């Protein structure tokens, strides 16, 4: 699973929070065009420009804990 931290929410203040960690949804088509797909604050999945985010690799225990919390 991939995660990204929001670095820029300009124009999307209601949808994205700067500094917040978002779960990335794999989408090869979006990636080819410079976008990443994720679940935003509306709890819907949308594609945003990848430059708004920094992709991160989490340690496995942290990733498992976050994924478990998301399923609650």
N, C-alpha and C. Protein backbone atom coordinates (compact mmCIF):
# COMPACT_ATOMS: atom_id res chain seq x y z
N UNK A 1 0.84 -1.17 0.00
CA UNK A 1 0.00 0.00 0.00
C UNK A 1 0.89 1.23 0.00
N UNK A 2 0.45 2.26 -0.68
CA UNK A 2 1.21 3.50 -0.73
C UNK A 2 0.46 4.61 0.02
N UNK A 3 1.24 5.51 0.57
CA UNK A 3 0.69 6.66 1.27
C UNK A 3 1.40 7.92 0.79
N UNK A 4 0.72 9.06 0.90
CA UNK A 4 1.29 10.34 0.50
C UNK A 4 0.88 11.41 1.49
N UNK A 5 1.77 12.36 1.69
CA UNK A 5 1.49 13.51 2.56
C UNK A 5 1.16 14.70 1.67
N UNK A 6 0.09 15.39 2.00
CA UNK A 6 -0.31 16.57 1.23
C UNK A 6 0.61 17.75 1.56
N UNK A 7 1.16 18.35 0.51
CA UNK A 7 2.04 19.51 0.64
C UNK A 7 1.39 20.81 0.16
N UNK A 8 0.35 20.67 -0.67
CA UNK A 8 -0.28 21.85 -1.29
C UNK A 8 -1.76 21.56 -1.51
N UNK A 9 -2.62 22.35 -0.87
CA UNK A 9 -4.06 22.16 -1.05
C UNK A 9 -4.73 23.35 -1.71
N UNK A 10 -3.93 24.25 -2.31
CA UNK A 10 -4.48 25.45 -2.93
C UNK A 10 -5.56 25.10 -3.95
N UNK A 11 -6.73 25.69 -3.74
CA UNK A 11 -7.87 25.42 -4.61
C UNK A 11 -8.69 24.21 -4.19
N UNK A 12 -8.17 23.45 -3.23
CA UNK A 12 -8.85 22.24 -2.76
C UNK A 12 -8.88 22.20 -1.23
N UNK A 13 -9.01 23.35 -0.61
CA UNK A 13 -8.96 23.44 0.84
C UNK A 13 -9.99 22.57 1.55
N UNK A 14 -11.16 22.37 0.95
CA UNK A 14 -12.19 21.53 1.56
C UNK A 14 -11.93 20.05 1.34
N UNK A 15 -11.08 19.72 0.37
CA UNK A 15 -10.84 18.32 0.01
C UNK A 15 -9.53 17.77 0.55
N UNK A 16 -8.54 18.64 0.78
CA UNK A 16 -7.21 18.20 1.20
C UNK A 16 -6.72 19.03 2.37
N UNK A 17 -5.99 18.38 3.29
CA UNK A 17 -5.39 19.08 4.42
C UNK A 17 -3.87 18.99 4.31
N UNK A 18 -3.20 20.12 4.35
CA UNK A 18 -1.74 20.12 4.31
C UNK A 18 -1.21 19.35 5.52
N UNK A 19 -0.24 18.48 5.26
CA UNK A 19 0.38 17.69 6.32
C UNK A 19 -0.33 16.39 6.63
N UNK A 20 -1.50 16.18 6.04
CA UNK A 20 -2.25 14.96 6.31
C UNK A 20 -1.77 13.81 5.43
N UNK A 21 -1.79 12.62 6.00
CA UNK A 21 -1.40 11.41 5.30
C UNK A 21 -2.62 10.82 4.61
N UNK A 22 -2.49 10.53 3.33
CA UNK A 22 -3.59 9.95 2.54
C UNK A 22 -3.17 8.61 1.95
N UNK A 23 -4.12 7.69 1.92
CA UNK A 23 -3.89 6.40 1.28
C UNK A 23 -4.05 6.57 -0.22
N UNK A 24 -3.06 6.13 -0.97
CA UNK A 24 -3.06 6.24 -2.43
C UNK A 24 -3.71 5.00 -3.03
N UNK A 25 -4.57 5.22 -4.00
CA UNK A 25 -5.23 4.13 -4.73
C UNK A 25 -4.47 3.94 -6.04
N UNK A 26 -3.94 2.74 -6.28
CA UNK A 26 -3.20 2.52 -7.52
C UNK A 26 -4.04 2.86 -8.75
N UNK A 27 -3.49 3.66 -9.65
CA UNK A 27 -4.17 4.05 -10.88
C UNK A 27 -3.10 4.40 -11.91
N UNK A 28 -2.75 3.42 -12.74
CA UNK A 28 -1.68 3.60 -13.72
C UNK A 28 -2.01 4.69 -14.73
N UNK A 29 -3.26 4.79 -15.14
CA UNK A 29 -3.65 5.81 -16.11
C UNK A 29 -3.44 7.21 -15.53
N UNK A 30 -3.87 7.42 -14.31
CA UNK A 30 -3.68 8.71 -13.65
C UNK A 30 -2.19 9.03 -13.52
N UNK A 31 -1.39 8.04 -13.12
CA UNK A 31 0.04 8.24 -12.94
C UNK A 31 0.72 8.64 -14.25
N UNK A 32 0.29 8.07 -15.35
CA UNK A 32 0.87 8.43 -16.66
C UNK A 32 0.66 9.90 -17.00
N UNK A 33 -0.36 10.50 -16.41
CA UNK A 33 -0.69 11.90 -16.68
C UNK A 33 -0.26 12.83 -15.54
N UNK A 34 0.53 12.31 -14.58
CA UNK A 34 1.03 13.14 -13.49
C UNK A 34 0.08 13.32 -12.33
N UNK A 35 -0.86 12.40 -12.17
CA UNK A 35 -1.83 12.46 -11.09
C UNK A 35 -1.70 11.26 -10.17
N UNK A 36 -2.20 11.42 -8.94
CA UNK A 36 -2.37 10.28 -8.06
C UNK A 36 -3.81 10.28 -7.59
N UNK A 37 -4.34 9.10 -7.36
CA UNK A 37 -5.72 8.93 -6.92
C UNK A 37 -5.69 8.58 -5.43
N UNK A 38 -6.55 9.23 -4.67
CA UNK A 38 -6.61 8.96 -3.23
C UNK A 38 -8.00 9.27 -2.69
N UNK A 39 -8.22 8.86 -1.46
CA UNK A 39 -9.47 9.16 -0.76
C UNK A 39 -9.29 10.51 -0.08
N UNK A 40 -10.11 11.49 -0.47
CA UNK A 40 -9.95 12.84 0.10
C UNK A 40 -10.87 13.04 1.30
N UNK A 41 -11.02 14.28 1.74
CA UNK A 41 -11.83 14.58 2.93
C UNK A 41 -13.32 14.30 2.74
N UNK A 42 -13.79 14.20 1.51
CA UNK A 42 -15.19 13.86 1.26
C UNK A 42 -15.41 12.35 1.33
N UNK A 43 -14.32 11.62 1.58
CA UNK A 43 -14.32 10.15 1.65
C UNK A 43 -14.62 9.52 0.30
N UNK A 44 -14.37 10.27 -0.78
CA UNK A 44 -14.50 9.77 -2.15
C UNK A 44 -13.10 9.73 -2.75
N UNK A 45 -12.93 8.91 -3.79
CA UNK A 45 -11.62 8.88 -4.42
C UNK A 45 -11.59 9.84 -5.60
N UNK A 46 -10.51 10.62 -5.66
CA UNK A 46 -10.30 11.60 -6.71
C UNK A 46 -8.85 11.59 -7.12
N UNK A 47 -8.58 12.07 -8.33
CA UNK A 47 -7.21 12.21 -8.81
C UNK A 47 -6.79 13.67 -8.62
N UNK A 48 -5.62 13.86 -8.06
CA UNK A 48 -5.02 15.18 -7.87
C UNK A 48 -3.63 15.17 -8.49
N UNK A 49 -3.13 16.35 -8.85
CA UNK A 49 -1.78 16.40 -9.39
C UNK A 49 -0.79 15.86 -8.35
N UNK A 50 0.10 15.01 -8.82
CA UNK A 50 1.05 14.35 -7.93
C UNK A 50 1.98 15.34 -7.24
N UNK A 51 2.22 16.49 -7.86
CA UNK A 51 3.12 17.48 -7.27
C UNK A 51 2.58 18.07 -5.96
N UNK A 52 1.33 17.85 -5.67
CA UNK A 52 0.73 18.33 -4.41
C UNK A 52 1.12 17.46 -3.22
N UNK A 53 1.75 16.31 -3.49
CA UNK A 53 2.00 15.29 -2.47
C UNK A 53 3.45 14.82 -2.47
N UNK A 54 3.83 14.26 -1.34
CA UNK A 54 5.12 13.57 -1.24
C UNK A 54 4.80 12.13 -0.88
N UNK A 55 5.20 11.21 -1.74
CA UNK A 55 4.97 9.79 -1.49
C UNK A 55 5.91 9.32 -0.38
N UNK A 56 5.40 8.46 0.50
CA UNK A 56 6.24 7.94 1.58
C UNK A 56 6.06 6.43 1.71
N UNK A 57 7.10 5.79 2.19
CA UNK A 57 7.06 4.36 2.48
C UNK A 57 7.04 4.23 4.00
N UNK A 58 6.01 3.63 4.53
CA UNK A 58 5.89 3.48 5.97
C UNK A 58 6.44 2.13 6.42
N UNK A 59 6.94 2.05 7.65
CA UNK A 59 7.34 0.75 8.19
C UNK A 59 6.10 -0.16 8.25
N UNK A 60 6.26 -1.44 8.03
CA UNK A 60 5.15 -2.38 7.96
C UNK A 60 4.22 -2.30 9.18
N UNK A 61 4.73 -2.25 10.43
CA UNK A 61 3.81 -2.17 11.58
C UNK A 61 2.92 -0.92 11.53
N UNK A 62 3.48 0.20 11.08
CA UNK A 62 2.71 1.45 10.98
C UNK A 62 1.65 1.31 9.88
N UNK A 63 2.05 0.78 8.74
CA UNK A 63 1.12 0.58 7.64
C UNK A 63 -0.05 -0.32 8.05
N UNK A 64 0.25 -1.42 8.73
CA UNK A 64 -0.81 -2.34 9.19
C UNK A 64 -1.77 -1.66 10.15
N UNK A 65 -1.22 -0.86 11.06
CA UNK A 65 -2.05 -0.16 12.04
C UNK A 65 -2.97 0.84 11.33
N UNK A 66 -2.43 1.59 10.37
CA UNK A 66 -3.24 2.56 9.65
C UNK A 66 -4.32 1.88 8.83
N UNK A 67 -3.98 0.83 8.13
CA UNK A 67 -4.97 0.12 7.32
C UNK A 67 -6.05 -0.49 8.20
N UNK A 68 -5.68 -0.98 9.34
CA UNK A 68 -6.66 -1.54 10.29
C UNK A 68 -7.62 -0.44 10.76
N UNK A 69 -7.09 0.73 11.06
CA UNK A 69 -7.90 1.85 11.53
C UNK A 69 -8.84 2.34 10.43
N UNK A 70 -8.39 2.30 9.18
CA UNK A 70 -9.22 2.76 8.06
C UNK A 70 -10.42 1.84 7.82
N UNK A 71 -10.31 0.61 8.22
CA UNK A 71 -11.39 -0.36 8.00
C UNK A 71 -12.47 -0.31 9.07
N UNK A 72 -12.22 0.41 10.16
CA UNK A 72 -13.17 0.48 11.27
C UNK A 72 -14.39 1.25 10.89
